[in-house]
C-alpha atoms as a PDB file:
ATOM      1  CA  MET A   1     -17.267 -38.934 -68.461  1.00  0.00           C
ATOM      2  CA  MET A   2     -19.231 -39.482 -71.651  1.00  0.00           C
ATOM      3  CA  ARG A   3     -22.495 -38.918 -69.798  1.00  0.00           C
ATOM      4  CA  ARG A   4     -21.277 -35.491 -68.650  1.00  0.00           C
ATOM      5  CA  ILE A   5     -20.291 -34.566 -72.212  1.00  0.00           C
ATOM      6  CA  HIS A   6     -23.710 -35.573 -73.531  1.00  0.00           C
ATOM      7  CA  PHE A   7     -25.391 -33.701 -70.673  1.00  0.00           C
ATOM      8  CA  VAL A   8     -23.480 -30.488 -71.506  1.00  0.00           C
ATOM      9  CA  LYS A   9     -24.313 -30.876 -75.195  1.00  0.00           C
ATOM     10  CA  TRP A  10     -28.035 -31.239 -74.481  1.00  0.00           C
ATOM     11  CA  VAL A  11     -28.056 -28.216 -72.156  1.00  0.00           C
ATOM     12  CA  THR A  12     -26.258 -26.087 -74.755  1.00  0.00           C
ATOM     13  CA  PHE A  13     -28.652 -27.236 -77.457  1.00  0.00           C
ATOM     14  CA  PHE A  14     -31.654 -26.404 -75.258  1.00  0.00           C
ATOM     15  CA  PHE A  15     -30.491 -22.858 -74.558  1.00  0.00           C
ATOM     16  CA  MET A  16     -29.730 -22.294 -78.260  1.00  0.00           C
ATOM     17  CA  ILE A  17     -33.335 -23.217 -79.112  1.00  0.00           C
ATOM     18  CA  LEU A  18     -34.642 -21.053 -76.255  1.00  0.00           C
ATOM     19  CA  HIS A  19     -32.628 -18.094 -77.508  1.00  0.00           C
ATOM     20  CA  GLN A  20     -34.102 -18.502 -80.998  1.00  0.00           C
ATOM     21  CA  ILE A  21     -37.677 -18.810 -79.766  1.00  0.00           C
ATOM     22  CA  LEU A  22     -37.799 -16.008 -77.206  1.00  0.00           C
ATOM     23  CA  PRO A  23     -37.331 -12.478 -78.603  1.00  0.00           C
ATOM     24  CA  PHE A  24     -35.244 -11.125 -75.753  1.00  0.00           C
ATOM     25  CA  ASN A  25     -34.288  -7.870 -77.454  1.00  0.00           C
ATOM     26  CA  SER A  26     -36.957  -7.567 -80.084  1.00  0.00           C
ATOM     27  CA  ALA A  27     -39.212  -4.575 -80.450  1.00  0.00           C
ATOM     28  CA  PHE A  28     -42.183  -6.688 -79.376  1.00  0.00           C
ATOM     29  CA  SER A  29     -40.644  -7.732 -76.042  1.00  0.00           C
ATOM     30  CA  ILE A  30     -39.352  -4.238 -75.251  1.00  0.00           C
ATOM     31  CA  CYS A  31     -42.718  -2.575 -75.848  1.00  0.00           C
ATOM     32  CA  GLU A  32     -45.006  -5.069 -74.121  1.00  0.00           C
ATOM     33  CA  TYR A  33     -46.606  -4.145 -70.840  1.00  0.00           C
ATOM     34  CA  SER A  34     -49.384  -5.697 -68.730  1.00  0.00           C
ATOM     35  CA  LEU A  35     -51.265  -4.479 -65.693  1.00  0.00           C
ATOM     36  CA  VAL A  36     -53.969  -6.072 -63.538  1.00  0.00           C
ATOM     37  CA  ASN A  37     -56.311  -3.578 -61.928  1.00  0.00           C
ATOM     38  CA  ASN A  38     -59.825  -4.057 -60.465  1.00  0.00           C
ATOM     39  CA  GLY A  39     -60.322  -7.495 -61.989  1.00  0.00           C
ATOM     40  CA  LYS A  40     -59.123  -6.461 -65.435  1.00  0.00           C
ATOM     41  CA  MET A  41     -55.861  -7.187 -67.227  1.00  0.00           C
ATOM     42  CA  TYR A  42     -54.646  -4.380 -69.497  1.00  0.00           C
ATOM     43  CA  ASN A  43     -52.281  -5.634 -72.198  1.00  0.00           C
ATOM     44  CA  PHE A  44     -50.269  -3.122 -74.216  1.00  0.00           C
ATOM     45  CA  ASN A  45     -48.173  -4.079 -77.235  1.00  0.00           C
ATOM     46  CA  LEU A  46     -46.955  -0.881 -78.837  1.00  0.00           C
ATOM     47  CA  ALA A  47     -45.152  -2.637 -81.675  1.00  0.00           C
ATOM     48  CA  SER A  48     -48.158  -4.723 -82.647  1.00  0.00           C
ATOM     49  CA  PRO A  49     -49.637  -3.756 -86.047  1.00  0.00           C
ATOM     50  CA  THR A  50     -53.059  -2.151 -86.278  1.00  0.00           C
ATOM     51  CA  SER A  51     -55.417  -1.504 -89.175  1.00  0.00           C
ATOM     52  CA  LYS A  52     -54.068   2.024 -89.592  1.00  0.00           C
ATOM     53  CA  SER A  53     -50.464   1.393 -88.501  1.00  0.00           C
ATOM     54  CA  PRO A  54     -48.770  -1.752 -89.891  1.00  0.00           C
ATOM     55  CA  HIS A  55     -45.715  -1.064 -87.698  1.00  0.00           C
ATOM     56  CA  GLY A  56     -47.548  -0.195 -84.541  1.00  0.00           C
ATOM     57  CA  VAL A  57     -46.299   2.882 -82.764  1.00  0.00           C
ATOM     58  CA  LEU A  58     -43.012   2.823 -84.700  1.00  0.00           C
ATOM     59  CA  SER A  59     -42.746   5.771 -87.089  1.00  0.00           C
ATOM     60  CA  GLU A  60     -42.809   4.709 -90.723  1.00  0.00           C
ATOM     61  CA  ASP A  61     -40.234   7.444 -91.452  1.00  0.00           C
ATOM     62  CA  GLY A  62     -37.830   5.723 -89.066  1.00  0.00           C
ATOM     63  CA  PHE A  63     -38.002   8.511 -86.496  1.00  0.00           C
ATOM     64  CA  TYR A  64     -40.180  11.153 -84.828  1.00  0.00           C
ATOM     65  CA  ARG A  65     -39.072  14.782 -84.712  1.00  0.00           C
ATOM     66  CA  VAL A  66     -40.242  17.550 -82.387  1.00  0.00           C
ATOM     67  CA  ALA A  67     -38.675  21.016 -82.143  1.00  0.00           C
ATOM     68  CA  VAL A  68     -39.173  23.918 -79.741  1.00  0.00           C
ATOM     69  CA  ASN A  69     -37.142  27.122 -80.000  1.00  0.00           C
ATOM     70  CA  ASN A  70     -33.481  26.085 -80.364  1.00  0.00           C
ATOM     71  CA  THR A  71     -33.980  22.492 -79.244  1.00  0.00           C
ATOM     72  CA  VAL A  72     -34.716  19.543 -81.553  1.00  0.00           C
ATOM     73  CA  VAL A  73     -35.393  15.998 -80.418  1.00  0.00           C
ATOM     74  CA  TRP A  74     -35.383  12.916 -82.665  1.00  0.00           C
ATOM     75  CA  PHE A  75     -36.609   9.611 -81.308  1.00  0.00           C
ATOM     76  CA  GLN A  76     -38.074   6.245 -82.196  1.00  0.00           C
ATOM     77  CA  LEU A  77     -40.107   3.994 -79.944  1.00  0.00           C
ATOM     78  CA  CYS A  78     -39.365   0.291 -79.453  1.00  0.00           C
ATOM     79  CA  ASP A  79     -36.417   0.308 -81.870  1.00  0.00           C
ATOM     80  CA  GLY A  80     -33.437   2.347 -83.047  1.00  0.00           C
ATOM     81  CA  MET A  81     -33.817   5.284 -85.405  1.00  0.00           C
ATOM     82  CA  ILE A  82     -33.287   5.058 -89.168  1.00  0.00           C
ATOM     83  CA  PHE A  83     -32.683   8.142 -91.324  1.00  0.00           C
ATOM     84  CA  ASN A  84     -33.362   7.812 -95.022  1.00  0.00           C
ATOM     85  CA  HIS A  85     -33.692  11.592 -95.240  1.00  0.00           C
ATOM     86  CA  ASP A  86     -32.981  14.709 -93.153  1.00  0.00           C
ATOM     87  CA  PRO A  87     -30.414  13.154 -90.790  1.00  0.00           C
ATOM     88  CA  PRO A  88     -29.243  15.179 -87.765  1.00  0.00           C
ATOM     89  CA  MET A  89     -26.373  17.527 -88.531  1.00  0.00           C
ATOM     90  CA  CYS A  90     -24.502  17.603 -85.268  1.00  0.00           C
ATOM     91  CA  ILE A  91     -21.000  18.481 -84.157  1.00  0.00           C
ATOM     92  CA  ASP A  92     -20.791  15.677 -81.609  1.00  0.00           C
ATOM     93  CA  CYS A  93     -22.683  12.455 -82.309  1.00  0.00           C
ATOM     94  CA  SER A  94     -20.253   9.965 -80.810  1.00  0.00           C
ATOM     95  CA  GLY A  95     -22.889   8.288 -78.644  1.00  0.00           C
ATOM     96  CA  CYS A  96     -25.393   7.771 -81.437  1.00  0.00           C
ATOM     97  CA  GLY A  97     -23.811   6.469 -84.616  1.00  0.00           C
ATOM     98  CA  GLY A  98     -20.924   8.886 -85.075  1.00  0.00           C
ATOM     99  CA  PRO A  99     -20.619  11.653 -87.689  1.00  0.00           C
ATOM    100  CA  SER A 100     -21.260   9.349 -90.681  1.00  0.00           C
ATOM    101  CA  HIS A 101     -24.390   7.712 -89.240  1.00  0.00           C
ATOM    102  CA  CYS A 102     -25.561  10.293 -86.743  1.00  0.00           C
ATOM    103  CA  GLY A 103     -28.826   9.313 -85.065  1.00  0.00           C
ATOM    104  CA  MET A 104     -28.708   5.659 -86.058  1.00  0.00           C
ATOM    105  CA  GLY A 105     -27.084   4.301 -82.936  1.00  0.00           C
ATOM    106  CA  CYS A 106     -29.614   5.203 -80.237  1.00  0.00           C
ATOM    107  CA  GLY A 107     -33.297   5.628 -79.480  1.00  0.00           C
ATOM    108  CA  ALA A 108     -33.411   9.382 -78.758  1.00  0.00           C
ATOM    109  CA  LEU A 109     -31.154  12.309 -79.614  1.00  0.00           C
ATOM    110  CA  VAL A 110     -31.390  15.997 -78.702  1.00  0.00           C
ATOM    111  CA  ALA A 111     -29.689  18.907 -80.460  1.00  0.00           C
ATOM    112  CA  ASN A 112     -29.191  22.215 -78.690  1.00  0.00           C
ATOM    113  CA  LYS A 113     -27.902  25.245 -80.554  1.00  0.00           C
ATOM    114  CA  ILE A 114     -24.806  26.562 -78.837  1.00  0.00           C
ATOM    115  CA  GLU A 115     -22.980  29.550 -80.360  1.00  0.00           C
ATOM    116  CA  GLY A 116     -24.683  28.860 -83.661  1.00  0.00           C
ATOM    117  CA  TYR A 117     -23.804  25.171 -83.799  1.00  0.00           C
ATOM    118  CA  ASP A 118     -26.047  22.133 -83.169  1.00  0.00           C
ATOM    119  CA  VAL A 119     -24.514  20.107 -80.344  1.00  0.00           C
ATOM    120  CA  CYS A 120     -26.124  16.691 -79.983  1.00  0.00           C
ATOM    121  CA  THR A 121     -26.523  14.562 -76.865  1.00  0.00           C
ATOM    122  CA  THR A 122     -27.807  11.013 -76.659  1.00  0.00           C
ATOM    123  CA  ILE A 123     -30.751  11.035 -74.233  1.00  0.00           C
ATOM    124  CA  GLY A 124     -32.165   7.549 -74.772  1.00  0.00           C
ATOM    125  CA  LEU A 125     -30.923   4.050 -75.549  1.00  0.00           C
ATOM    126  CA  VAL A 126     -33.289   1.323 -76.739  1.00  0.00           C
ATOM    127  CA  PRO A 127     -32.278  -1.334 -74.142  1.00  0.00           C
ATOM    128  CA  SER A 128     -33.081   1.172 -71.364  1.00  0.00           C
ATOM    129  CA  THR A 129     -36.738   1.418 -72.422  1.00  0.00           C
ATOM    130  CA  ASN A 130     -39.119   1.353 -69.485  1.00  0.00           C
ATOM    131  CA  ILE A 131     -42.933   1.398 -69.721  1.00  0.00           C
ATOM    132  CA  SER A 132     -45.374   2.541 -67.063  1.00  0.00           C
ATOM    133  CA  ILE A 133     -49.024   3.427 -66.900  1.00  0.00           C
ATOM    134  CA  ILE A 134     -50.007   7.091 -67.319  1.00  0.00           C
ATOM    135  CA  ASP A 135     -52.939   7.107 -64.914  1.00  0.00           C
ATOM    136  CA  ILE A 136     -53.407   4.175 -62.528  1.00  0.00           C
ATOM    137  CA  LYS A 137     -57.015   5.248 -61.919  1.00  0.00           C
ATOM    138  CA  ASN A 138     -57.680   5.187 -65.652  1.00  0.00           C
ATOM    139  CA  PRO A 139     -55.310   2.528 -67.082  1.00  0.00           C
ATOM    140  CA  ASP A 140     -56.842   2.521 -70.556  1.00  0.00           C
ATOM    141  CA  ARG A 141     -55.739   6.111 -71.120  1.00  0.00           C
ATOM    142  CA  GLY A 142     -52.313   4.936 -72.332  1.00  0.00           C
ATOM    143  CA  VAL A 143     -48.706   4.348 -71.271  1.00  0.00           C
ATOM    144  CA  ALA A 144     -45.529   6.349 -70.802  1.00  0.00           C
ATOM    145  CA  VAL A 145     -42.395   5.094 -72.569  1.00  0.00           C
ATOM    146  CA  LYS A 146     -39.166   6.301 -71.007  1.00  0.00           C
ATOM    147  CA  MET A 147     -35.660   5.949 -72.390  1.00  0.00           C
ATOM    148  CA  SER A 148     -32.499   7.043 -70.656  1.00  0.00           C
ATOM    149  CA  ASN A 149     -28.766   7.305 -71.059  1.00  0.00           C
ATOM    150  CA  ILE A 150     -26.775   6.962 -67.861  1.00  0.00           C
ATOM    151  CA  GLY A 151     -23.407   6.594 -69.593  1.00  0.00           C
ATOM    152  CA  THR A 152     -22.885  10.354 -69.797  1.00  0.00           C
ATOM    153  CA  LYS A 153     -21.699  12.671 -67.041  1.00  0.00           C
ATOM    154  CA  VAL A 154     -25.210  14.079 -66.830  1.00  0.00           C
ATOM    155  CA  LYS A 155     -28.052  11.581 -66.739  1.00  0.00           C
ATOM    156  CA  CYS A 156     -30.434  12.177 -69.637  1.00  0.00           C
ATOM    157  CA  SER A 157     -33.842  10.807 -70.467  1.00  0.00           C
ATOM    158  CA  LEU A 158     -36.851  11.159 -72.728  1.00  0.00           C
ATOM    159  CA  SER A 159     -40.390  10.303 -71.657  1.00  0.00           C
ATOM    160  CA  VAL A 160     -43.041   9.853 -74.358  1.00  0.00           C
ATOM    161  CA  SER A 161     -46.698   9.531 -73.380  1.00  0.00           C
ATOM    162  CA  VAL A 162     -48.525   7.303 -75.858  1.00  0.00           C
ATOM    163  CA  ILE A 163     -52.163   8.312 -75.406  1.00  0.00           C
ATOM    164  CA  CYS A 164     -54.920   6.007 -76.573  1.00  0.00           C
ATOM    165  CA  THR A 165     -57.015   7.255 -79.471  1.00  0.00           C
ATOM    166  CA  THR A 166     -59.131   5.749 -82.228  1.00  0.00           C
ATOM    167  CA  ASP A 167     -59.253   8.909 -84.338  1.00  0.00           C
ATOM    168  CA  GLY A 168     -55.969   8.444 -86.159  1.00  0.00           C
ATOM    169  CA  ILE A 169     -52.415   9.388 -85.300  1.00  0.00           C
ATOM    170  CA  GLN A 170     -51.264  12.712 -83.865  1.00  0.00           C
ATOM    171  CA  VAL A 171     -47.480  13.144 -83.963  1.00  0.00           C
ATOM    172  CA  PRO A 172     -45.617  14.934 -81.136  1.00  0.00           C
ATOM    173  CA  GLN A 173     -46.057  18.688 -81.158  1.00  0.00           C
ATOM    174  CA  ILE A 174     -45.020  19.809 -77.672  1.00  0.00           C
ATOM    175  CA  LEU A 175     -41.610  19.323 -76.047  1.00  0.00           C
ATOM    176  CA  GLU A 176     -41.033  19.979 -72.360  1.00  0.00           C
ATOM    177  CA  LYS A 177     -37.733  20.164 -70.515  1.00  0.00           C
ATOM    178  CA  ILE A 178     -38.368  18.683 -67.093  1.00  0.00           C
ATOM    179  CA  GLY A 179     -34.771  18.467 -65.887  1.00  0.00           C
ATOM    180  CA  PRO A 180     -31.182  19.435 -66.730  1.00  0.00           C
ATOM    181  CA  CYS A 181     -31.123  16.771 -69.479  1.00  0.00           C
ATOM    182  CA  ASP A 182     -34.612  15.317 -69.221  1.00  0.00           C
ATOM    183  CA  TYR A 183     -37.315  15.866 -71.841  1.00  0.00           C
ATOM    184  CA  ALA A 184     -40.941  14.864 -72.218  1.00  0.00           C
ATOM    185  CA  THR A 185     -43.408  14.804 -75.118  1.00  0.00           C
ATOM    186  CA  SER A 186     -46.565  12.974 -76.118  1.00  0.00           C
ATOM    187  CA  LEU A 187     -48.347  11.516 -79.108  1.00  0.00           C
ATOM    188  CA  ARG A 188     -51.777  10.036 -79.744  1.00  0.00           C
ATOM    189  CA  HIS A 189     -51.851   6.615 -81.329  1.00  0.00           C
ATOM    190  CA  PRO A 190     -54.180   3.567 -81.524  1.00  0.00           C
ATOM    191  CA  SER A 191     -51.328   1.409 -80.233  1.00  0.00           C
ATOM    192  CA  GLY A 192     -51.675   3.186 -76.902  1.00  0.00           C
ATOM    193  CA  CYS A 193     -55.024   1.453 -76.382  1.00  0.00           C
ATOM    194  CA  ALA A 194     -54.985  -1.646 -74.232  1.00  0.00           C
ATOM    195  CA  LYS A 195     -56.565  -5.010 -74.895  1.00  0.00           C
ATOM    196  CA  ILE A 196     -58.644  -5.661 -71.801  1.00  0.00           C
ATOM    197  CA  ILE A 197     -59.252  -9.145 -70.379  1.00  0.00           C
ATOM    198  CA  HIS A 198     -61.480  -9.796 -67.376  1.00  0.00           C
ATOM    199  CA  VAL A 199     -59.757 -11.901 -64.762  1.00  0.00           C
ATOM    200  CA  HIS A 200     -60.825 -13.421 -61.439  1.00  0.00           C
ATOM    201  CA  ARG A 201     -59.554 -11.569 -58.401  1.00  0.00           C
ATOM    202  CA  ARG A 202     -59.345 -14.670 -56.198  1.00  0.00           C
ATOM    203  CA  GLY A 203     -55.913 -15.010 -54.665  1.00  0.00           C
ATOM    204  CA  TRP A 204     -54.054 -18.044 -53.498  1.00  0.00           C
ATOM    205  CA  GLY A 205     -55.031 -17.529 -49.863  1.00  0.00           C
ATOM    206  CA  PHE A 206     -52.972 -18.617 -46.863  1.00  0.00           C
ATOM    207  CA  PHE A 207     -53.295 -22.342 -47.500  1.00  0.00           C
ATOM    208  CA  GLY A 208     -52.430 -22.044 -51.167  1.00  0.00           C
ATOM    209  CA  THR A 209     -49.411 -19.874 -50.443  1.00  0.00           C
ATOM    210  CA  PHE A 210     -48.248 -22.229 -47.690  1.00  0.00           C
ATOM    211  CA  THR A 211     -48.622 -25.224 -50.050  1.00  0.00           C
ATOM    212  CA  ILE A 212     -46.588 -23.502 -52.758  1.00  0.00           C
ATOM    213  CA  ILE A 213     -43.804 -22.711 -50.234  1.00  0.00           C
ATOM    214  CA  ILE A 214     -43.716 -26.343 -49.049  1.00  0.00           C
ATOM    215  CA  LEU A 215     -43.585 -27.658 -52.605  1.00  0.00           C
ATOM    216  CA  CYS A 216     -40.759 -25.245 -53.513  1.00  0.00           C
ATOM    217  CA  LEU A 217     -38.747 -26.287 -50.449  1.00  0.00           C
ATOM    218  CA  PHE A 218     -39.335 -29.947 -51.237  1.00  0.00           C
ATOM    219  CA  GLY A 219     -38.275 -29.460 -54.850  1.00  0.00           C
ATOM    220  CA  GLY A 220     -35.159 -27.598 -53.756  1.00  0.00           C
ATOM    221  CA  TYR A 221     -34.299 -30.409 -51.354  1.00  0.00           C
ATOM    222  CA  LEU A 222     -34.678 -33.050 -54.047  1.00  0.00           C
ATOM    223  CA  LEU A 223     -32.682 -31.074 -56.603  1.00  0.00           C
ATOM    224  CA  ALA A 224     -29.844 -30.355 -54.173  1.00  0.00           C
ATOM    225  CA  GLY A 225     -29.744 -34.006 -53.096  1.00  0.00           C
ATOM    226  CA  ILE A 226     -29.699 -35.303 -56.667  1.00  0.00           C
ATOM    227  CA  VAL A 227     -26.914 -32.912 -57.695  1.00  0.00           C
ATOM    228  CA  TYR A 228     -24.819 -33.838 -54.631  1.00  0.00           C
ATOM    229  CA  ARG A 229     -25.240 -37.592 -55.059  1.00  0.00           C
ATOM    230  CA  TYR A 230     -24.624 -37.439 -58.839  1.00  0.00           C
ATOM    231  CA  PHE A 231     -21.546 -35.249 -58.932  1.00  0.00           C
ATOM    232  CA  VAL A 232     -19.968 -35.817 -55.495  1.00  0.00           C
ATOM    233  CA  LEU A 233     -20.941 -39.373 -54.541  1.00  0.00           C
ATOM    234  CA  LYS A 234     -20.931 -40.566 -58.195  1.00  0.00           C
ATOM    235  CA  VAL A 235     -24.250 -42.320 -57.754  1.00  0.00           C
ATOM    236  CA  ARG A 236     -26.065 -43.331 -60.955  1.00  0.00           C
ATOM    237  CA  GLY A 237     -29.527 -44.549 -61.862  1.00  0.00           C
ATOM    238  CA  VAL A 238     -32.600 -44.209 -59.671  1.00  0.00           C
ATOM    239  CA  ASP A 239     -30.359 -44.367 -56.581  1.00  0.00           C
ATOM    240  CA  VAL A 240     -29.456 -40.760 -57.280  1.00  0.00           C
ATOM    241  CA  ILE A 241     -32.724 -39.781 -55.558  1.00  0.00           C
ATOM    242  CA  PRO A 242     -31.965 -39.017 -51.870  1.00  0.00           C
ATOM    243  CA  ASN A 243     -33.620 -41.305 -49.262  1.00  0.00           C
ATOM    244  CA  LEU A 244     -35.025 -43.541 -51.996  1.00  0.00           C
ATOM    245  CA  GLU A 245     -35.963 -46.289 -49.537  1.00  0.00           C
ATOM    246  CA  PHE A 246     -38.087 -43.864 -47.527  1.00  0.00           C
ATOM    247  CA  TRP A 247     -39.958 -42.599 -50.589  1.00  0.00           C
ATOM    248  CA  LEU A 248     -40.612 -46.174 -51.790  1.00  0.00           C
ATOM    249  CA  SER A 249     -42.011 -47.222 -48.414  1.00  0.00           C
ATOM    250  CA  LEU A 250     -44.054 -44.034 -47.991  1.00  0.00           C
ATOM    251  CA  PRO A 251     -47.197 -45.306 -49.814  1.00  0.00           C
ATOM    252  CA  HIS A 252     -47.271 -48.438 -47.619  1.00  0.00           C
ATOM    253  CA  LYS A 253     -46.873 -46.344 -44.458  1.00  0.00           C
ATOM    254  CA  ILE A 254     -49.709 -44.045 -45.513  1.00  0.00           C
ATOM    255  CA  GLN A 255     -51.905 -47.053 -46.265  1.00  0.00           C
ATOM    256  CA  SER A 256     -51.165 -48.604 -42.868  1.00  0.00           C
ATOM    257  CA  LEU A 257     -51.856 -45.313 -41.088  1.00  0.00           C
ATOM    258  CA  PHE A 258     -55.153 -44.890 -42.931  1.00  0.00           C
ATOM    259  CA  ALA A 259     -56.191 -48.486 -42.125  1.00  0.00           C
ATOM    260  CA  SER A 260     -55.414 -48.004 -38.401  1.00  0.00           C
ATOM    261  CA  LEU A 261     -57.469 -44.809 -38.312  1.00  0.00           C
ATOM    262  CA  VAL A 262     -60.401 -46.604 -39.971  1.00  0.00           C
ATOM    263  CA  ARG A 263     -60.253 -49.447 -37.400  1.00  0.00           C
ATOM    264  CA  LYS A 264     -60.034 -46.926 -34.554  1.00  0.00           C
ATOM    265  CA  PHE A 265     -63.173 -45.061 -35.580  1.00  0.00           C
ATOM    266  CA  LYS A 266     -65.204 -48.126 -36.682  1.00  0.00           C
ATOM    267  CA  GLY A 267     -64.419 -50.178 -33.624  1.00  0.00           C
ATOM    268  CA  PRO A 268     -63.881 -53.954 -33.523  1.00  0.00           C
ATOM    269  CA  SER A 269     -65.494 -56.029 -36.248  1.00  0.00           C
ATOM    270  CA  ARG A 270     -68.483 -58.365 -35.575  1.00  0.00           C
ATOM    271  CA  GLY A 271     -66.436 -61.534 -35.664  1.00  0.00           C
ATOM    272  CA  HIS A 272     -63.819 -60.097 -33.401  1.00  0.00           C
ATOM    273  CA  ARG A 273     -63.667 -61.518 -29.870  1.00  0.00           C
ATOM    274  CA  ASP A 274     -61.499 -60.153 -27.100  1.00  0.00           C
ATOM    275  CA  SER A 275     -58.687 -62.414 -25.898  1.00  0.00           C
ATOM    276  CA  TYR A 276     -60.069 -62.533 -22.363  1.00  0.00           C
ATOM    277  CA  SER A 277     -63.792 -62.899 -23.141  1.00  0.00           C
ATOM    278  CA  PRO A 278     -65.482 -65.994 -21.632  1.00  0.00           C
ATOM    279  CA  VAL A 279     -66.023 -69.012 -23.764  1.00  0.00           C
ATOM    280  CA  ASN A 280     -68.944 -71.451 -23.306  1.00  0.00           C
ATOM    281  CA  PHE A 281     -68.065 -75.145 -23.530  1.00  0.00           C
END
């Protein structure tokens, strides 16, 4: 009983450390993307600082803003929006911070003027961020960052193309409506440029893949056997390993098999005499 308690404590402690080390919901993990194409690995990290942008692609103002006609879109990439000035003045902002903190509870917000009033709709949530390559034939052109909100009656989304450039930053200027509640825009930023690493294109091959499958099956068999013998049969110590006697005798069996094969191919030794060979007296 005490062993089980200690085991549970160690497992809990391990996952606590793992949760602290791995940034599951951080801006860096959300905005990382890698692609292998034609022997090259393209690594994108939009939140990584550059010489001209200490916060990466994240806007230093806390948000980007693009307006066309009677439609205004606010958004932030890789993180939620922050408004220290010029917050959205919307009638309905329940899905993105509420009236007192409008815009600070989502990743993208659109305001459409209806009968003279700005009616806001959440079109992107940070956890829904999805990154894809803009042009598979030219991967170093940049990436497309898409956010969506499927909690509303109408599915909404915002797609932002982050185009690679080394000539500074160009904020979004064009807004397109590509669906009933789907919008698209683009910006040029150094963070849209990939770090390219040359990799070997050699695959595992049939034998390598077959070996991996066998090892995985063997590992699953051992793990299932150990769990069954430990918790069901209450076996402790090294005896928890299934078929322990067989595994201990396996090296000797392999040695004997190898020795018999060697004798078979080498033939009888010089001093060896057949049982029925004649003997001179």
